[in-house]
Amino acid sequence: MTYLTVYSDGETPETLLRTEDPAEIEAALKEIGVRLRHWEVVDGLGDDAGQEEVLEVYRDEVARIVAEEGYTFVDVAQLHPDDSPDWPERAAAARAKFLDEHTHDDDEVRFFVSGSGIFYLHVAGKVHAVLCEAGDLLSVPARTTHWFDMGTSPDFTAIRFFHDDDGWVGDFTGDPIASRIPDYDTIVATRS
């Protein structure tokens, strides 16, 4: 289930809201132009499922979103723990890539097939930390300042939608705000 925490964006952020209530989450995100939808999760896809298999399983849903929004490029991003000796280094590098505040000229649209991650949306003096889990489809409008945290042990599969065939291209703001807001691991631990 989706979980939303809203913080003030000052030097010492204050928690303004914590909720799992779907209506409350939808209303808070609608105020900042962000859409959250839900798809039925298909059981049986393992962590080893490749891009083609994931996209085939969700073919109808993907086709509907592409037709509604005009996306031209769809892919699958995934990262799951493994026993390889380079796993900790790969996980840390993947996480670091998205941890600084940035914007995109394109929408940021993700459907979580499995696992979870937090999108931090910095809008109008607040940071909306949206913990997305399997079944969540989050649509963040172009040029919304944000960052993403997959935690210290990333474990997720997500379908990504783009209007541009270049895929993910970030324009970093240089604002250190992400260092002041609780990270993925902290939010997940306080939720329990």
Protein backbone atom coordinates (compact mmCIF):
# COMPACT_ATOMS: atom_id res chain seq x y z
CA MET A 1 0.00 0.00 0.00
CA THR A 2 1.22 3.48 -0.84
CA TYR A 3 2.53 5.58 2.06
CA LEU A 4 2.89 9.38 2.00
CA THR A 5 4.96 11.56 4.30
CA VAL A 6 4.99 15.33 3.78
CA TYR A 7 7.80 17.49 5.19
CA SER A 8 8.49 21.20 5.30
CA ASP A 9 11.56 22.07 3.22
CA GLY A 10 13.42 24.25 5.76
CA GLU A 11 16.84 23.72 7.29
CA THR A 12 15.18 21.54 9.96
CA PRO A 13 12.31 19.81 8.17
CA GLU A 14 9.14 19.15 10.13
CA THR A 15 6.78 16.26 9.44
CA LEU A 16 3.47 17.72 8.29
CA LEU A 17 1.60 14.55 7.33
CA ARG A 18 1.93 10.76 7.47
CA THR A 19 -0.79 8.67 5.87
CA GLU A 20 -1.70 5.40 4.18
CA ASP A 21 -5.24 6.61 3.49
CA PRO A 22 -5.72 6.37 -0.30
CA ALA A 23 -8.14 9.33 -0.50
CA GLU A 24 -5.85 11.54 1.58
CA ILE A 25 -2.82 10.56 -0.53
CA GLU A 26 -4.68 11.19 -3.79
CA ALA A 27 -5.87 14.62 -2.60
CA ALA A 28 -2.40 15.69 -1.41
CA LEU A 29 -0.77 14.61 -4.67
CA LYS A 30 -3.49 16.15 -6.83
CA GLU A 31 -2.69 19.53 -5.23
CA ILE A 32 0.80 19.33 -6.76
CA GLY A 33 -0.30 17.90 -10.13
CA VAL A 34 0.87 14.35 -9.45
CA ARG A 35 -1.28 11.33 -10.31
CA LEU A 36 -1.23 8.02 -8.49
CA ARG A 37 -3.08 5.09 -10.00
CA HIS A 38 -3.11 1.40 -9.21
CA TRP A 39 -2.91 -1.68 -11.40
CA GLU A 40 -3.58 -5.24 -10.40
CA VAL A 41 -0.26 -6.95 -9.64
CA VAL A 42 0.36 -10.08 -11.70
CA ASP A 43 1.65 -12.92 -9.55
CA GLY A 44 4.36 -15.29 -10.70
CA LEU A 45 6.92 -12.88 -12.13
CA GLY A 46 10.24 -13.65 -10.49
CA ASP A 47 13.12 -11.26 -9.90
CA ASP A 48 14.81 -12.88 -12.91
CA ALA A 49 11.99 -11.90 -15.31
CA GLY A 50 13.46 -9.95 -18.21
CA GLN A 51 12.16 -6.78 -19.79
CA GLU A 52 10.25 -8.56 -22.56
CA GLU A 53 8.49 -10.88 -20.11
CA VAL A 54 7.50 -8.02 -17.77
CA LEU A 55 6.18 -5.90 -20.64
CA GLU A 56 4.27 -8.85 -22.09
CA VAL A 57 2.53 -9.58 -18.77
CA TYR A 58 1.42 -5.93 -18.51
CA ARG A 59 0.88 -5.46 -22.28
CA ASP A 60 -2.75 -4.23 -22.08
CA GLU A 61 -2.09 -1.75 -19.26
CA VAL A 62 1.06 -0.44 -20.95
CA ALA A 63 -0.78 -0.05 -24.28
CA ARG A 64 -3.56 1.90 -22.56
CA ILE A 65 -1.13 4.34 -20.90
CA VAL A 66 0.85 4.77 -24.13
CA ALA A 67 -2.37 5.54 -26.03
CA GLU A 68 -3.65 7.95 -23.34
CA GLU A 69 -0.40 9.85 -22.84
CA GLY A 70 1.49 9.48 -26.12
CA TYR A 71 4.62 7.84 -24.71
CA THR A 72 7.07 6.64 -27.36
CA PHE A 73 9.54 4.66 -25.25
CA VAL A 74 8.83 2.12 -22.51
CA ASP A 75 11.38 0.05 -20.64
CA VAL A 76 11.91 -1.87 -17.42
CA ALA A 77 14.29 -0.84 -14.64
CA GLN A 78 15.11 -3.41 -12.02
CA LEU A 79 17.57 -4.08 -9.29
CA HIS A 80 17.46 -7.04 -6.94
CA PRO A 81 19.94 -8.25 -4.33
CA ASP A 82 22.22 -11.07 -5.41
CA ASP A 83 25.20 -12.97 -4.05
CA SER A 84 27.79 -11.51 -6.40
CA PRO A 85 30.80 -9.86 -4.74
CA ASP A 86 30.11 -6.57 -6.53
CA TRP A 87 26.47 -6.32 -5.36
CA PRO A 88 27.09 -3.75 -2.58
CA GLU A 89 29.04 -1.52 -4.98
CA ARG A 90 26.42 -1.82 -7.76
CA ALA A 91 23.58 -1.11 -5.32
CA ALA A 92 25.31 1.97 -3.88
CA ALA A 93 26.13 3.33 -7.35
CA ALA A 94 22.57 2.82 -8.62
CA ARG A 95 21.14 4.51 -5.54
CA ALA A 96 23.53 7.47 -5.73
CA LYS A 97 22.54 8.24 -9.33
CA PHE A 98 19.05 9.40 -8.30
CA LEU A 99 19.57 10.78 -4.76
CA ASP A 100 20.23 14.42 -5.68
CA GLU A 101 17.37 16.75 -6.50
CA HIS A 102 16.73 17.10 -10.23
CA THR A 103 14.11 17.77 -12.87
CA HIS A 104 13.32 16.33 -16.29
CA ASP A 105 11.97 17.84 -19.47
CA ASP A 106 9.73 14.77 -19.64
CA ASP A 107 7.20 13.32 -17.22
CA GLU A 108 8.53 10.75 -14.76
CA VAL A 109 6.11 7.84 -14.89
CA ARG A 110 6.75 4.56 -13.10
CA PHE A 111 4.71 1.44 -12.44
CA PHE A 112 6.07 -0.74 -9.65
CA VAL A 113 5.80 -4.38 -10.69
CA SER A 114 7.50 -5.48 -7.46
CA GLY A 115 9.43 -4.04 -4.56
CA SER A 116 9.38 -0.38 -3.62
CA GLY A 117 11.05 3.02 -3.80
CA ILE A 118 10.36 6.57 -2.65
CA PHE A 119 9.82 9.54 -4.93
CA TYR A 120 10.50 12.81 -3.11
CA LEU A 121 8.58 15.66 -4.78
CA HIS A 122 9.79 19.15 -3.80
CA VAL A 123 6.96 21.55 -4.58
CA ALA A 124 5.74 24.82 -3.01
CA GLY A 125 7.83 24.69 0.17
CA LYS A 126 7.07 21.04 0.92
CA VAL A 127 8.56 17.65 0.17
CA HIS A 128 6.08 14.88 -0.55
CA ALA A 129 7.79 11.51 0.05
CA VAL A 130 5.70 8.93 -1.82
CA LEU A 131 6.59 5.35 -0.94
CA CYS A 132 5.49 3.42 -4.01
CA GLU A 133 5.02 -0.33 -3.82
CA ALA A 134 3.91 -3.11 -6.17
CA GLY A 135 0.79 -2.00 -8.04
CA ASP A 136 1.46 1.75 -7.81
CA LEU A 137 1.66 3.85 -10.99
CA LEU A 138 3.03 7.32 -10.22
CA SER A 139 2.96 10.14 -12.82
CA VAL A 140 5.15 13.14 -11.98
CA PRO A 141 4.81 16.10 -14.38
CA ALA A 142 7.81 17.35 -16.33
CA ARG A 143 9.98 19.95 -14.56
CA THR A 144 8.84 18.91 -11.06
CA THR A 145 11.85 19.03 -8.72
CA HIS A 146 12.34 15.63 -7.13
CA TRP A 147 14.69 12.77 -6.31
CA PHE A 148 14.31 9.02 -5.88
CA ASP A 149 15.61 6.69 -3.18
CA MET A 150 15.63 2.91 -3.56
CA GLY A 151 17.26 2.32 -0.16
CA THR A 152 20.56 0.75 0.80
CA SER A 153 19.42 -2.67 -0.43
CA PRO A 154 17.47 -1.94 -3.63
CA ASP A 155 14.87 -4.54 -4.55
CA PHE A 156 12.38 -3.50 -7.24
CA THR A 157 11.14 -3.89 -10.79
CA ALA A 158 9.45 -0.89 -12.45
CA ILE A 159 8.08 -0.12 -15.89
CA ARG A 160 9.14 3.34 -17.09
CA PHE A 161 7.34 5.51 -19.67
CA PHE A 162 8.93 8.31 -21.73
CA HIS A 163 7.93 10.80 -24.43
CA ASP A 164 11.57 10.92 -25.55
CA ASP A 165 13.52 7.93 -26.86
CA ASP A 166 16.57 9.12 -24.88
CA GLY A 167 14.91 7.79 -21.71
CA TRP A 168 16.04 9.10 -18.32
CA VAL A 169 17.83 12.47 -18.55
CA GLY A 170 18.18 14.48 -15.33
CA ASP A 171 18.92 18.18 -14.84
CA PHE A 172 20.36 18.47 -11.32
CA THR A 173 19.49 21.55 -9.26
CA GLY A 174 22.48 21.50 -6.88
CA ASP A 175 20.15 21.96 -3.89
CA PRO A 176 21.28 19.76 -0.97
CA ILE A 177 17.72 19.32 0.34
CA ALA A 178 17.80 15.54 -0.11
CA SER A 179 20.40 15.33 2.66
CA ARG A 180 17.98 16.98 5.13
CA ILE A 181 14.93 14.79 4.51
CA PRO A 182 14.66 11.25 5.97
CA ASP A 183 15.84 8.63 3.48
CA TYR A 184 14.11 5.47 2.27
CA ASP A 185 15.46 3.25 5.04
CA THR A 186 14.41 5.71 7.76
CA ILE A 187 10.88 6.17 6.40
CA VAL A 188 10.33 2.44 5.93
CA ALA A 189 11.58 1.77 9.47
CA THR A 190 9.27 4.40 11.02
CA ARG A 191 6.29 3.10 9.08
CA SER A 192 6.44 -0.35 10.67
